[in-house]
Amino acid sequence: GLVDNSITFACDSGQFEFALALCKTTGKAADEVHYKIALSLEDEGKFIEAENEFLLANKPREAIMMHVHGGDWKSALKIAEKFVPEAVNEVLINQANAALEARNYHDYETLLIRAERADLIINHYKEYNMWHEAIRIAEEYMPQEVSELKTMQIRSNRGSASGDSRTLLQQASDYARNEDFKKAAECLLMINHTNAELQTVERALIRAAEICNQFLENEE
């Protein structure tokens, strides 16, 4: 009715104090007003104040999403733990994905294990043929997966000898990033005239030589 229209009009014209006063005098719930205040504060980058308004609006999930978008994981987790326990793992998974993008594998693994999602780590490592890493996680958290992963590793290693050079280059850079330089060099040496053009072979050999000089010693 008239009161609702007045409250909406007051909010739309930024007169939030007036809108709250209207709610108070008419006994209307102020949730919607607090929600609009929260959105306005979020737009201004005032995240702490916005969080408070989201909570007053009984919308803790929106506060969590705001902090997730802003990468403020600590605040997102705090609200989730207090108001939306079922969202805790969602926050941890989002944080883990951000760690992965930043190539921070340690945090990526720690966060997903905390969220009880070792399966996501294993799937990621499988996708990049990082069998050593996948098996390491499986042995600790999903032992029932280990034998299948080992079988897949053998099959993949057989196939990768004639695998396409792009996959091998990707594998090599993943191994190097995890400081498994011997495996990185082995992958690069699988790139030859049967699966790549001369320029790619040359580049792979030079990179393998660099890895050997910098990181490997003795027989390796």
Protein backbone atom coordinates (compact mmCIF):
# COMPACT_ATOMS: atom_id res chain seq x y z
CA GLY A 1 0.00 0.00 0.00
CA LEU A 2 0.88 3.61 0.52
CA VAL A 3 3.43 2.91 3.27
CA ASP A 4 5.25 0.32 1.11
CA ASN A 5 5.38 2.76 -1.80
CA SER A 6 6.71 5.51 0.48
CA ILE A 7 9.43 3.21 1.85
CA THR A 8 10.42 2.09 -1.68
CA PHE A 9 10.47 5.73 -2.87
CA ALA A 10 12.59 6.80 0.13
CA CYS A 11 15.09 3.97 -0.55
CA ASP A 12 15.26 4.69 -4.28
CA SER A 13 16.06 8.35 -3.57
CA GLY A 14 18.72 7.39 -1.01
CA GLN A 15 16.73 8.60 2.03
CA PHE A 16 17.51 5.52 4.08
CA GLU A 17 17.13 7.17 7.51
CA PHE A 18 13.65 8.27 6.56
CA ALA A 19 12.79 4.80 5.23
CA LEU A 20 13.94 3.20 8.51
CA ALA A 21 11.92 5.75 10.51
CA LEU A 22 8.84 4.88 8.43
CA CYS A 23 9.35 1.18 9.19
CA LYS A 24 9.66 1.94 12.87
CA THR A 25 6.54 4.07 13.15
CA THR A 26 4.39 1.74 11.03
CA GLY A 27 5.70 -1.51 12.52
CA LYS A 28 6.92 -2.74 9.11
CA ALA A 29 9.92 -5.10 8.98
CA ALA A 30 12.99 -3.14 7.93
CA ASP A 31 14.80 -6.06 6.25
CA GLU A 32 14.31 -4.72 2.73
CA VAL A 33 15.59 -1.26 3.71
CA HIS A 34 18.70 -2.72 5.37
CA TYR A 35 19.27 -4.82 2.24
CA LYS A 36 19.12 -1.75 -0.02
CA ILE A 37 21.47 0.12 2.33
CA ALA A 38 23.87 -2.84 2.18
CA LEU A 39 23.88 -2.85 -1.64
CA SER A 40 24.51 0.90 -1.68
CA LEU A 41 27.42 0.57 0.77
CA GLU A 42 28.86 -2.35 -1.19
CA ASP A 43 28.85 -0.19 -4.34
CA GLU A 44 30.80 2.45 -2.42
CA GLY A 45 33.35 -0.18 -1.35
CA LYS A 46 32.38 0.15 2.33
CA PHE A 47 32.41 -3.59 2.93
CA ILE A 48 32.45 -3.67 6.74
CA GLU A 49 29.40 -1.37 6.97
CA ALA A 50 27.72 -3.28 4.14
CA GLU A 51 28.30 -6.59 5.96
CA ASN A 52 26.55 -5.19 9.04
CA GLU A 53 23.54 -4.11 6.95
CA PHE A 54 23.32 -7.48 5.15
CA LEU A 55 23.17 -9.15 8.56
CA LEU A 56 20.49 -6.71 9.77
CA ALA A 57 18.57 -7.61 6.60
CA ASN A 58 18.85 -11.30 7.56
CA LYS A 59 20.87 -11.99 4.41
CA PRO A 60 24.16 -13.50 5.63
CA ARG A 61 24.67 -15.34 2.31
CA GLU A 62 24.82 -12.02 0.45
CA ALA A 63 27.47 -10.81 2.92
CA ILE A 64 29.45 -14.00 2.31
CA MET A 65 29.24 -13.57 -1.49
CA MET A 66 30.37 -9.93 -1.20
CA HIS A 67 33.50 -10.99 0.71
CA VAL A 68 34.14 -13.93 -1.66
CA HIS A 69 34.03 -11.55 -4.66
CA GLY A 70 36.41 -9.21 -2.83
CA GLY A 71 38.76 -12.07 -1.91
CA ASP A 72 38.30 -11.37 1.82
CA TRP A 73 38.26 -15.05 2.78
CA LYS A 74 38.66 -14.45 6.50
CA SER A 75 35.48 -12.36 6.73
CA ALA A 76 33.55 -14.72 4.44
CA LEU A 77 34.49 -17.71 6.61
CA LYS A 78 33.67 -15.91 9.84
CA ILE A 79 30.10 -15.17 8.69
CA ALA A 80 29.64 -18.64 7.21
CA GLU A 81 30.77 -20.33 10.43
CA LYS A 82 28.45 -18.17 12.53
CA PHE A 83 25.32 -17.91 10.36
CA VAL A 84 25.47 -20.36 7.42
CA PRO A 85 27.53 -23.45 8.44
CA GLU A 86 26.57 -25.26 5.22
CA ALA A 87 28.33 -22.50 3.22
CA VAL A 88 31.72 -22.99 4.94
CA ASN A 89 32.90 -25.56 2.39
CA GLU A 90 31.73 -23.36 -0.52
CA VAL A 91 33.94 -20.55 0.79
CA LEU A 92 36.92 -22.91 1.22
CA ILE A 93 36.47 -24.24 -2.35
CA ASN A 94 36.31 -20.68 -3.73
CA GLN A 95 39.45 -19.78 -1.79
CA ALA A 96 41.18 -22.94 -3.06
CA ASN A 97 40.36 -22.02 -6.67
CA ALA A 98 41.89 -18.58 -6.13
CA ALA A 99 45.02 -20.22 -4.67
CA LEU A 100 45.20 -22.50 -7.71
CA GLU A 101 44.99 -19.51 -10.08
CA ALA A 102 47.87 -17.95 -8.16
CA ARG A 103 49.77 -21.27 -8.59
CA ASN A 104 49.85 -21.69 -4.83
CA TYR A 105 49.53 -25.48 -4.72
CA HIS A 106 50.20 -25.77 -0.99
CA ASP A 107 47.22 -23.59 -0.02
CA TYR A 108 45.11 -25.14 -2.78
CA GLU A 109 45.58 -28.61 -1.30
CA THR A 110 45.25 -27.50 2.34
CA LEU A 111 41.95 -25.67 1.71
CA LEU A 112 40.32 -28.47 -0.26
CA ILE A 113 41.38 -31.05 2.33
CA ARG A 114 39.84 -28.83 5.00
CA ALA A 115 36.65 -28.77 2.89
CA GLU A 116 36.88 -32.59 2.71
CA ARG A 117 37.18 -32.46 -1.08
CA ALA A 118 40.38 -34.37 -1.78
CA ASP A 119 38.51 -35.70 -4.85
CA LEU A 120 38.71 -32.23 -6.48
CA ILE A 121 42.50 -32.13 -6.00
CA ILE A 122 42.90 -35.61 -7.48
CA ASN A 123 40.70 -34.70 -10.47
CA HIS A 124 42.74 -31.56 -11.15
CA TYR A 125 46.04 -33.45 -11.01
CA LYS A 126 44.62 -36.24 -13.20
CA GLU A 127 43.52 -33.69 -15.80
CA TYR A 128 47.10 -32.40 -16.07
CA ASN A 129 48.63 -35.90 -15.98
CA MET A 130 50.31 -35.05 -12.67
CA TRP A 131 50.05 -38.68 -11.54
CA HIS A 132 52.71 -38.47 -8.86
CA GLU A 133 50.76 -35.66 -7.12
CA ALA A 134 47.37 -37.35 -7.57
CA ILE A 135 48.66 -40.62 -6.08
CA ARG A 136 50.29 -38.78 -3.13
CA ILE A 137 46.93 -37.18 -2.20
CA ALA A 138 44.98 -40.41 -2.79
CA GLU A 139 47.33 -42.45 -0.58
CA GLU A 140 46.61 -40.11 2.32
CA TYR A 141 42.94 -39.23 1.84
CA MET A 142 41.32 -41.62 -0.68
CA PRO A 143 43.25 -44.93 -0.50
CA GLN A 144 40.50 -46.71 -2.45
CA GLU A 145 41.52 -44.67 -5.54
CA VAL A 146 45.22 -45.51 -5.49
CA SER A 147 45.32 -48.70 -7.59
CA GLU A 148 43.15 -47.18 -10.33
CA LEU A 149 45.35 -44.07 -10.44
CA LYS A 150 48.49 -46.20 -10.75
CA THR A 151 46.93 -48.11 -13.65
CA MET A 152 46.00 -44.79 -15.33
CA GLN A 153 49.54 -43.51 -14.76
CA ILE A 154 51.07 -46.55 -16.53
CA ARG A 155 48.62 -46.21 -19.42
CA SER A 156 49.30 -42.48 -19.69
CA ASN A 157 53.08 -42.91 -19.64
CA ARG A 158 52.81 -45.48 -22.42
CA GLY A 159 50.63 -43.16 -24.47
CA SER A 160 52.64 -40.03 -23.83
CA ALA A 161 55.72 -41.38 -25.60
CA SER A 162 53.89 -40.63 -28.80
CA GLY A 163 51.56 -38.08 -27.17
CA ASP A 164 51.12 -34.68 -28.75
CA SER A 165 53.77 -32.11 -27.96
CA ARG A 166 51.33 -29.63 -26.43
CA THR A 167 50.31 -32.10 -23.71
CA LEU A 168 53.97 -32.94 -23.04
CA LEU A 169 54.92 -29.25 -22.76
CA GLN A 170 52.03 -28.70 -20.33
CA GLN A 171 53.09 -31.76 -18.31
CA ALA A 172 56.69 -30.57 -18.21
CA SER A 173 55.75 -27.12 -16.94
CA ASP A 174 53.50 -28.68 -14.27
CA TYR A 175 56.34 -30.93 -13.10
CA ALA A 176 58.77 -28.00 -13.08
CA ARG A 177 56.33 -25.90 -11.07
CA ASN A 178 56.19 -28.68 -8.49
CA GLU A 179 60.00 -28.84 -8.55
CA ASP A 180 60.05 -32.34 -9.98
CA PHE A 181 62.75 -31.34 -12.46
CA LYS A 182 63.81 -34.85 -13.48
CA LYS A 183 60.26 -35.66 -14.68
CA ALA A 184 60.02 -32.25 -16.37
CA ALA A 185 63.18 -32.98 -18.36
CA GLU A 186 61.95 -36.49 -19.23
CA CYS A 187 58.70 -35.05 -20.62
CA LEU A 188 60.62 -32.52 -22.73
CA LEU A 189 62.84 -35.29 -24.12
CA MET A 190 59.72 -37.19 -25.30
CA ILE A 191 59.12 -34.37 -27.78
CA ASN A 192 60.75 -35.45 -31.04
CA HIS A 193 60.22 -35.52 -34.81
CA THR A 194 57.39 -38.09 -34.45
CA ASN A 195 55.10 -35.72 -32.55
CA ALA A 196 56.31 -32.16 -33.17
CA GLU A 197 57.84 -29.88 -35.78
CA LEU A 198 61.54 -29.05 -35.73
CA GLN A 199 61.14 -25.64 -34.04
CA THR A 200 59.19 -27.18 -31.11
CA VAL A 201 61.73 -30.01 -30.74
CA GLU A 202 64.57 -27.47 -30.60
CA ARG A 203 62.75 -25.39 -28.02
CA ALA A 204 62.03 -28.48 -25.88
CA LEU A 205 65.68 -29.60 -26.03
CA ILE A 206 66.95 -26.16 -25.03
CA ARG A 207 64.50 -26.04 -22.12
CA ALA A 208 65.51 -29.58 -21.05
CA ALA A 209 69.17 -28.54 -21.15
CA GLU A 210 68.42 -25.46 -19.02
CA ILE A 211 66.61 -27.62 -16.44
CA CYS A 212 69.51 -30.13 -16.35
CA ASN A 213 72.09 -27.36 -15.90
CA GLN A 214 70.15 -25.49 -13.25
CA PHE A 215 68.47 -28.16 -11.18
CA LEU A 216 69.92 -31.63 -11.78
CA GLU A 217 73.28 -33.07 -10.81
CA ASN A 218 75.48 -36.19 -11.05
CA GLU A 219 73.92 -38.96 -13.17
CA GLU A 220 70.60 -37.15 -13.50
